[in-house]
Amino acid sequence: MVFGIVIVLLLARYFHGFDLFLNDHTLLRRGIKGPLIFLSIAIIMCMVGFPRQLVCLTAGVVYGFWLGIFYATIATVIGALLAYNWARWLGREWGKKYLSHAKVKKIHHFIQTNPFHTVLICRLMPVGSSVLLNTMAGIVGISVMPFICATFLGSFPQTVVFVLLGGGIRIGHFGQITLSLLLLAVSILAGLILMKRSFNKKDDLLLPE
């Protein structure tokens, strides 16, 4: 999994499409071809762990608020799902053996019994590795539907924030930029509240065996 990601990142510098993604916004707005180019590149970026915020910012700058949210959400969910399936295919059997060890058994149990909340909390946090979360979800064997739903709901607030921020940068709207930063703070707070509630349950990771 890691080797494959490194190869993609090394080859990315020779792929002209990333230059188009970052610089040629006129092409990305052109008919059906533009959005298809954007989605193709954005999905790959989300799959291999490029900062998703960059995808959302670009979507906001190029497409505005509503279409920006639509395209950024598609790229986020599909990219995460591809990484999840890749990890599930490559590491599921290894994961079963490793996760049975006493040191990680409790973490494994917590994730298995709280798959939706675990992914949701991690998605709401602005820090951390998305590709690591997708990989672990596949290895642990979280069901597809909880993974997709938690990915959509957990990433949506930050999608709105960074698309809004991108749109504000494009039009130079200070109020829009300020609103996006306030929404980001709300998203982080929601993640912290969910985390606290989850760890207060009886299956808390900190409870003794």
C-alpha atoms as a PDB file:
ATOM      1  CA  MET A   1       0.000   0.000   0.000  1.00  0.00           C
ATOM      2  CA  VAL A   2       2.716   2.470   1.031  1.00  0.00           C
ATOM      3  CA  PHE A   3       4.949   1.431  -1.873  1.00  0.00           C
ATOM      4  CA  GLY A   4       2.114   2.025  -4.336  1.00  0.00           C
ATOM      5  CA  ILE A   5       1.413   5.490  -2.902  1.00  0.00           C
ATOM      6  CA  VAL A   6       5.101   6.440  -3.109  1.00  0.00           C
ATOM      7  CA  ILE A   7       5.214   5.389  -6.768  1.00  0.00           C
ATOM      8  CA  VAL A   8       2.123   7.487  -7.557  1.00  0.00           C
ATOM      9  CA  LEU A   9       3.597  10.521  -5.777  1.00  0.00           C
ATOM     10  CA  LEU A  10       6.924  10.181  -7.594  1.00  0.00           C
ATOM     11  CA  LEU A  11       5.201   9.913 -10.964  1.00  0.00           C
ATOM     12  CA  ALA A  12       2.860  12.817 -10.176  1.00  0.00           C
ATOM     13  CA  ARG A  13       5.562  15.397 -10.928  1.00  0.00           C
ATOM     14  CA  TYR A  14       5.659  14.162 -14.527  1.00  0.00           C
ATOM     15  CA  PHE A  15       1.875  14.261 -14.918  1.00  0.00           C
ATOM     16  CA  HIS A  16       0.834  17.453 -16.645  1.00  0.00           C
ATOM     17  CA  GLY A  17      -2.683  17.111 -15.250  1.00  0.00           C
ATOM     18  CA  PHE A  18      -1.624  18.375 -11.819  1.00  0.00           C
ATOM     19  CA  ASP A  19      -0.388  21.604 -13.379  1.00  0.00           C
ATOM     20  CA  LEU A  20      -3.767  21.987 -15.050  1.00  0.00           C
ATOM     21  CA  PHE A  21      -5.485  21.271 -11.760  1.00  0.00           C
ATOM     22  CA  LEU A  22      -3.614  24.007  -9.930  1.00  0.00           C
ATOM     23  CA  ASN A  23      -3.223  26.610 -12.657  1.00  0.00           C
ATOM     24  CA  ASP A  24      -5.498  26.198 -15.685  1.00  0.00           C
ATOM     25  CA  HIS A  25      -8.891  26.990 -14.195  1.00  0.00           C
ATOM     26  CA  THR A  26     -10.276  27.966 -17.585  1.00  0.00           C
ATOM     27  CA  LEU A  27      -9.875  24.415 -18.848  1.00  0.00           C
ATOM     28  CA  LEU A  28     -11.476  23.001 -15.682  1.00  0.00           C
ATOM     29  CA  ARG A  29     -14.592  25.091 -16.338  1.00  0.00           C
ATOM     30  CA  ARG A  30     -14.923  24.037 -19.984  1.00  0.00           C
ATOM     31  CA  GLY A  31     -18.082  22.041 -20.729  1.00  0.00           C
ATOM     32  CA  ILE A  32     -18.222  18.441 -19.519  1.00  0.00           C
ATOM     33  CA  LYS A  33     -14.518  17.850 -20.136  1.00  0.00           C
ATOM     34  CA  GLY A  34     -13.397  20.307 -17.448  1.00  0.00           C
ATOM     35  CA  PRO A  35     -15.268  18.740 -14.507  1.00  0.00           C
ATOM     36  CA  LEU A  36     -14.222  15.254 -15.666  1.00  0.00           C
ATOM     37  CA  ILE A  37     -10.569  16.324 -15.631  1.00  0.00           C
ATOM     38  CA  PHE A  38     -11.042  17.871 -12.190  1.00  0.00           C
ATOM     39  CA  LEU A  39     -12.726  14.757 -10.767  1.00  0.00           C
ATOM     40  CA  SER A  40     -10.152  12.383 -12.253  1.00  0.00           C
ATOM     41  CA  ILE A  41      -7.255  14.276 -10.690  1.00  0.00           C
ATOM     42  CA  ALA A  42      -9.058  15.082  -7.426  1.00  0.00           C
ATOM     43  CA  ILE A  43     -10.067  11.438  -6.842  1.00  0.00           C
ATOM     44  CA  ILE A  44      -6.448  10.317  -7.288  1.00  0.00           C
ATOM     45  CA  MET A  45      -5.282  13.047  -4.900  1.00  0.00           C
ATOM     46  CA  CYS A  46      -7.801  12.000  -2.245  1.00  0.00           C
ATOM     47  CA  MET A  47      -6.955   8.322  -2.733  1.00  0.00           C
ATOM     48  CA  VAL A  48      -3.202   8.665  -2.208  1.00  0.00           C
ATOM     49  CA  GLY A  49      -3.399  11.163   0.647  1.00  0.00           C
ATOM     50  CA  PHE A  50      -2.848  14.618  -0.834  1.00  0.00           C
ATOM     51  CA  PRO A  51      -4.399  17.259   1.448  1.00  0.00           C
ATOM     52  CA  ARG A  52      -8.119  17.138   0.752  1.00  0.00           C
ATOM     53  CA  GLN A  53      -8.343  20.802   1.668  1.00  0.00           C
ATOM     54  CA  LEU A  54      -6.475  21.620  -1.546  1.00  0.00           C
ATOM     55  CA  VAL A  55      -9.126  19.789  -3.575  1.00  0.00           C
ATOM     56  CA  CYS A  56     -11.907  21.706  -1.814  1.00  0.00           C
ATOM     57  CA  LEU A  57     -10.146  25.064  -2.166  1.00  0.00           C
ATOM     58  CA  THR A  58      -9.628  24.470  -5.880  1.00  0.00           C
ATOM     59  CA  ALA A  59     -13.252  23.394  -6.286  1.00  0.00           C
ATOM     60  CA  GLY A  60     -14.388  26.604  -4.589  1.00  0.00           C
ATOM     61  CA  VAL A  61     -12.135  28.796  -6.717  1.00  0.00           C
ATOM     62  CA  VAL A  62     -13.069  27.099 -10.008  1.00  0.00           C
ATOM     63  CA  TYR A  63     -16.744  26.188  -9.597  1.00  0.00           C
ATOM     64  CA  GLY A  64     -18.102  28.377  -6.825  1.00  0.00           C
ATOM     65  CA  PHE A  65     -20.038  27.228  -3.776  1.00  0.00           C
ATOM     66  CA  TRP A  66     -22.690  24.704  -4.851  1.00  0.00           C
ATOM     67  CA  LEU A  67     -20.883  22.966  -7.703  1.00  0.00           C
ATOM     68  CA  GLY A  68     -17.663  23.138  -5.708  1.00  0.00           C
ATOM     69  CA  ILE A  69     -19.259  21.234  -2.822  1.00  0.00           C
ATOM     70  CA  PHE A  70     -20.765  18.702  -5.238  1.00  0.00           C
ATOM     71  CA  TYR A  71     -17.504  17.900  -7.031  1.00  0.00           C
ATOM     72  CA  ALA A  72     -15.337  17.985  -3.899  1.00  0.00           C
ATOM     73  CA  THR A  73     -17.714  15.591  -2.113  1.00  0.00           C
ATOM     74  CA  ILE A  74     -17.668  13.140  -5.022  1.00  0.00           C
ATOM     75  CA  ALA A  75     -13.861  13.212  -5.119  1.00  0.00           C
ATOM     76  CA  THR A  76     -13.574  12.777  -1.354  1.00  0.00           C
ATOM     77  CA  VAL A  77     -15.922   9.801  -1.046  1.00  0.00           C
ATOM     78  CA  ILE A  78     -14.724   7.938  -4.152  1.00  0.00           C
ATOM     79  CA  GLY A  79     -11.046   8.564  -3.329  1.00  0.00           C
ATOM     80  CA  ALA A  80     -11.524   7.288   0.227  1.00  0.00           C
ATOM     81  CA  LEU A  81     -13.470   4.259  -1.006  1.00  0.00           C
ATOM     82  CA  LEU A  82     -10.734   3.320  -3.503  1.00  0.00           C
ATOM     83  CA  ALA A  83      -8.050   3.500  -0.808  1.00  0.00           C
ATOM     84  CA  TYR A  84     -10.279   1.517   1.579  1.00  0.00           C
ATOM     85  CA  ASN A  85     -10.871  -1.257  -0.969  1.00  0.00           C
ATOM     86  CA  TRP A  86      -7.202  -1.349  -1.901  1.00  0.00           C
ATOM     87  CA  ALA A  87      -6.191  -1.792   1.751  1.00  0.00           C
ATOM     88  CA  ARG A  88      -8.942  -4.348   2.332  1.00  0.00           C
ATOM     89  CA  TRP A  89      -7.762  -6.411  -0.618  1.00  0.00           C
ATOM     90  CA  LEU A  90      -4.054  -6.228   0.285  1.00  0.00           C
ATOM     91  CA  GLY A  91      -4.050  -6.308   4.074  1.00  0.00           C
ATOM     92  CA  ARG A  92      -7.200  -7.971   5.396  1.00  0.00           C
ATOM     93  CA  GLU A  93      -5.581 -11.350   6.174  1.00  0.00           C
ATOM     94  CA  TRP A  94      -2.487  -9.743   7.681  1.00  0.00           C
ATOM     95  CA  GLY A  95      -4.720  -7.456   9.714  1.00  0.00           C
ATOM     96  CA  LYS A  96      -6.607 -10.373  11.271  1.00  0.00           C
ATOM     97  CA  LYS A  97      -3.360 -11.827  12.628  1.00  0.00           C
ATOM     98  CA  TYR A  98      -1.853  -8.545  13.803  1.00  0.00           C
ATOM     99  CA  LEU A  99      -5.022  -7.192  15.388  1.00  0.00           C
ATOM    100  CA  SER A 100      -5.459 -10.328  17.477  1.00  0.00           C
ATOM    101  CA  HIS A 101      -2.410  -9.375  19.562  1.00  0.00           C
ATOM    102  CA  ALA A 102      -3.169  -8.255  23.103  1.00  0.00           C
ATOM    103  CA  LYS A 103      -1.643  -4.782  22.677  1.00  0.00           C
ATOM    104  CA  VAL A 104      -4.015  -3.768  19.893  1.00  0.00           C
ATOM    105  CA  LYS A 105      -6.950  -6.089  20.588  1.00  0.00           C
ATOM    106  CA  LYS A 106      -8.800  -3.458  22.612  1.00  0.00           C
ATOM    107  CA  ILE A 107      -8.399  -0.809  19.887  1.00  0.00           C
ATOM    108  CA  HIS A 108      -9.601  -3.346  17.324  1.00  0.00           C
ATOM    109  CA  HIS A 109     -12.644  -4.149  19.478  1.00  0.00           C
ATOM    110  CA  PHE A 110     -13.470  -0.467  19.915  1.00  0.00           C
ATOM    111  CA  ILE A 111     -13.329   0.174  16.157  1.00  0.00           C
ATOM    112  CA  GLN A 112     -15.338  -2.951  15.360  1.00  0.00           C
ATOM    113  CA  THR A 113     -18.095  -2.063  17.817  1.00  0.00           C
ATOM    114  CA  ASN A 114     -18.122   1.666  16.906  1.00  0.00           C
ATOM    115  CA  PRO A 115     -17.236   1.745  13.184  1.00  0.00           C
ATOM    116  CA  PHE A 116     -19.446   4.675  12.235  1.00  0.00           C
ATOM    117  CA  HIS A 117     -18.474   6.873  15.184  1.00  0.00           C
ATOM    118  CA  THR A 118     -14.770   6.057  14.850  1.00  0.00           C
ATOM    119  CA  VAL A 119     -14.609   7.113  11.196  1.00  0.00           C
ATOM    120  CA  LEU A 120     -16.909  10.095  11.807  1.00  0.00           C
ATOM    121  CA  ILE A 121     -14.768  11.470  14.637  1.00  0.00           C
ATOM    122  CA  CYS A 122     -11.565  11.103  12.602  1.00  0.00           C
ATOM    123  CA  ARG A 123     -13.140  12.805   9.586  1.00  0.00           C
ATOM    124  CA  LEU A 124     -14.276  15.778  11.663  1.00  0.00           C
ATOM    125  CA  MET A 125     -10.737  16.432  12.876  1.00  0.00           C
ATOM    126  CA  PRO A 126      -8.724  18.797  10.628  1.00  0.00           C
ATOM    127  CA  VAL A 127      -5.482  17.015  11.509  1.00  0.00           C
ATOM    128  CA  GLY A 128      -4.424  13.449  10.881  1.00  0.00           C
ATOM    129  CA  SER A 129      -3.861  11.292   7.829  1.00  0.00           C
ATOM    130  CA  SER A 130      -6.869  10.538   5.660  1.00  0.00           C
ATOM    131  CA  VAL A 131      -5.010   7.792   3.810  1.00  0.00           C
ATOM    132  CA  LEU A 132      -4.058   6.173   7.133  1.00  0.00           C
ATOM    133  CA  LEU A 133      -7.696   6.211   8.232  1.00  0.00           C
ATOM    134  CA  ASN A 134      -8.836   4.704   4.918  1.00  0.00           C
ATOM    135  CA  THR A 135      -6.141   2.036   5.143  1.00  0.00           C
ATOM    136  CA  MET A 136      -6.940   1.091   8.730  1.00  0.00           C
ATOM    137  CA  ALA A 137     -10.672   0.945   7.975  1.00  0.00           C
ATOM    138  CA  GLY A 138      -9.981  -1.540   5.185  1.00  0.00           C
ATOM    139  CA  ILE A 139      -7.563  -3.661   7.230  1.00  0.00           C
ATOM    140  CA  VAL A 140      -9.804  -3.749  10.302  1.00  0.00           C
ATOM    141  CA  GLY A 141     -12.743  -4.714   8.098  1.00  0.00           C
ATOM    142  CA  ILE A 142     -15.205  -1.911   8.776  1.00  0.00           C
ATOM    143  CA  SER A 143     -18.328  -2.498   6.687  1.00  0.00           C
ATOM    144  CA  VAL A 144     -18.638  -0.481   3.504  1.00  0.00           C
ATOM    145  CA  MET A 145     -21.869   1.388   4.284  1.00  0.00           C
ATOM    146  CA  PRO A 146     -20.824   2.732   7.735  1.00  0.00           C
ATOM    147  CA  PHE A 147     -17.513   3.763   6.173  1.00  0.00           C
ATOM    148  CA  ILE A 148     -19.155   5.605   3.264  1.00  0.00           C
ATOM    149  CA  CYS A 149     -21.812   7.296   5.427  1.00  0.00           C
ATOM    150  CA  ALA A 150     -19.309   8.389   8.094  1.00  0.00           C
ATOM    151  CA  THR A 151     -16.901   9.600   5.408  1.00  0.00           C
ATOM    152  CA  PHE A 152     -19.629  11.662   3.758  1.00  0.00           C
ATOM    153  CA  LEU A 153     -21.008  13.167   6.977  1.00  0.00           C
ATOM    154  CA  GLY A 154     -17.636  13.662   8.663  1.00  0.00           C
ATOM    155  CA  SER A 155     -15.916  15.274   5.698  1.00  0.00           C
ATOM    156  CA  PHE A 156     -18.864  17.407   4.612  1.00  0.00           C
ATOM    157  CA  PRO A 157     -18.395  20.239   7.165  1.00  0.00           C
ATOM    158  CA  GLN A 158     -14.772  20.752   6.120  1.00  0.00           C
ATOM    159  CA  THR A 159     -15.756  20.458   2.466  1.00  0.00           C
ATOM    160  CA  VAL A 160     -18.170  23.340   2.976  1.00  0.00           C
ATOM    161  CA  VAL A 161     -15.539  25.297   4.916  1.00  0.00           C
ATOM    162  CA  PHE A 162     -12.771  25.046   2.333  1.00  0.00           C
ATOM    163  CA  VAL A 163     -15.019  25.417  -0.702  1.00  0.00           C
ATOM    164  CA  LEU A 164     -16.426  28.542   0.927  1.00  0.00           C
ATOM    165  CA  LEU A 165     -12.898  29.724   1.676  1.00  0.00           C
ATOM    166  CA  GLY A 166     -11.865  29.090  -1.943  1.00  0.00           C
ATOM    167  CA  GLY A 167     -14.855  31.050  -3.218  1.00  0.00           C
ATOM    168  CA  GLY A 168     -14.031  33.878  -0.829  1.00  0.00           C
ATOM    169  CA  ILE A 169     -10.447  34.009  -2.062  1.00  0.00           C
ATOM    170  CA  ARG A 170     -11.649  34.123  -5.656  1.00  0.00           C
ATOM    171  CA  ILE A 171     -13.974  37.068  -5.149  1.00  0.00           C
ATOM    172  CA  GLY A 172     -11.996  38.676  -2.316  1.00  0.00           C
ATOM    173  CA  HIS A 173     -14.960  38.468   0.073  1.00  0.00           C
ATOM    174  CA  PHE A 174     -13.636  38.917   3.625  1.00  0.00           C
ATOM    175  CA  GLY A 175     -16.979  37.973   5.229  1.00  0.00           C
ATOM    176  CA  GLN A 176     -17.033  34.660   3.374  1.00  0.00           C
ATOM    177  CA  ILE A 177     -13.491  33.868   4.497  1.00  0.00           C
ATOM    178  CA  THR A 178     -14.372  34.716   8.120  1.00  0.00           C
ATOM    179  CA  LEU A 179     -17.487  32.524   7.995  1.00  0.00           C
ATOM    180  CA  SER A 180     -15.458  29.592   6.682  1.00  0.00           C
ATOM    181  CA  LEU A 181     -13.016  29.870   9.605  1.00  0.00           C
ATOM    182  CA  LEU A 182     -15.896  29.968  12.116  1.00  0.00           C
ATOM    183  CA  LEU A 183     -17.420  26.863  10.537  1.00  0.00           C
ATOM    184  CA  LEU A 184     -14.076  25.097  10.784  1.00  0.00           C
ATOM    185  CA  ALA A 185     -13.988  25.826  14.525  1.00  0.00           C
ATOM    186  CA  VAL A 186     -17.525  24.419  14.885  1.00  0.00           C
ATOM    187  CA  SER A 187     -16.501  21.269  12.989  1.00  0.00           C
ATOM    188  CA  ILE A 188     -13.517  20.710  15.294  1.00  0.00           C
ATOM    189  CA  LEU A 189     -15.686  21.262  18.377  1.00  0.00           C
ATOM    190  CA  ALA A 190     -18.252  18.733  17.131  1.00  0.00           C
ATOM    191  CA  GLY A 191     -15.506  16.159  16.634  1.00  0.00           C
ATOM    192  CA  LEU A 192     -14.150  16.726  20.147  1.00  0.00           C
ATOM    193  CA  ILE A 193     -17.624  16.369  21.689  1.00  0.00           C
ATOM    194  CA  LEU A 194     -18.263  13.103  19.822  1.00  0.00           C
ATOM    195  CA  MET A 195     -14.851  11.812  20.873  1.00  0.00           C
ATOM    196  CA  LYS A 196     -15.504  12.583  24.528  1.00  0.00           C
ATOM    197  CA  ARG A 197     -18.905  10.867  24.437  1.00  0.00           C
ATOM    198  CA  SER A 198     -17.492   7.794  22.713  1.00  0.00           C
ATOM    199  CA  PHE A 199     -14.695   7.369  25.242  1.00  0.00           C
ATOM    200  CA  ASN A 200     -17.120   7.770  28.135  1.00  0.00           C
ATOM    201  CA  LYS A 201     -18.953   4.595  27.119  1.00  0.00           C
ATOM    202  CA  LYS A 202     -18.422   1.349  28.974  1.00  0.00           C
ATOM    203  CA  ASP A 203     -16.232  -0.008  26.162  1.00  0.00           C
ATOM    204  CA  ASP A 204     -13.812   2.877  26.649  1.00  0.00           C
ATOM    205  CA  LEU A 205     -10.282   2.044  25.488  1.00  0.00           C
ATOM    206  CA  LEU A 206      -8.915   3.201  28.829  1.00  0.00           C
ATOM    207  CA  LEU A 207     -10.906   0.725  30.922  1.00  0.00           C
ATOM    208  CA  PRO A 208      -8.949  -2.257  32.244  1.00  0.00           C
ATOM    209  CA  GLU A 209      -9.578  -5.759  30.882  1.00  0.00           C
END
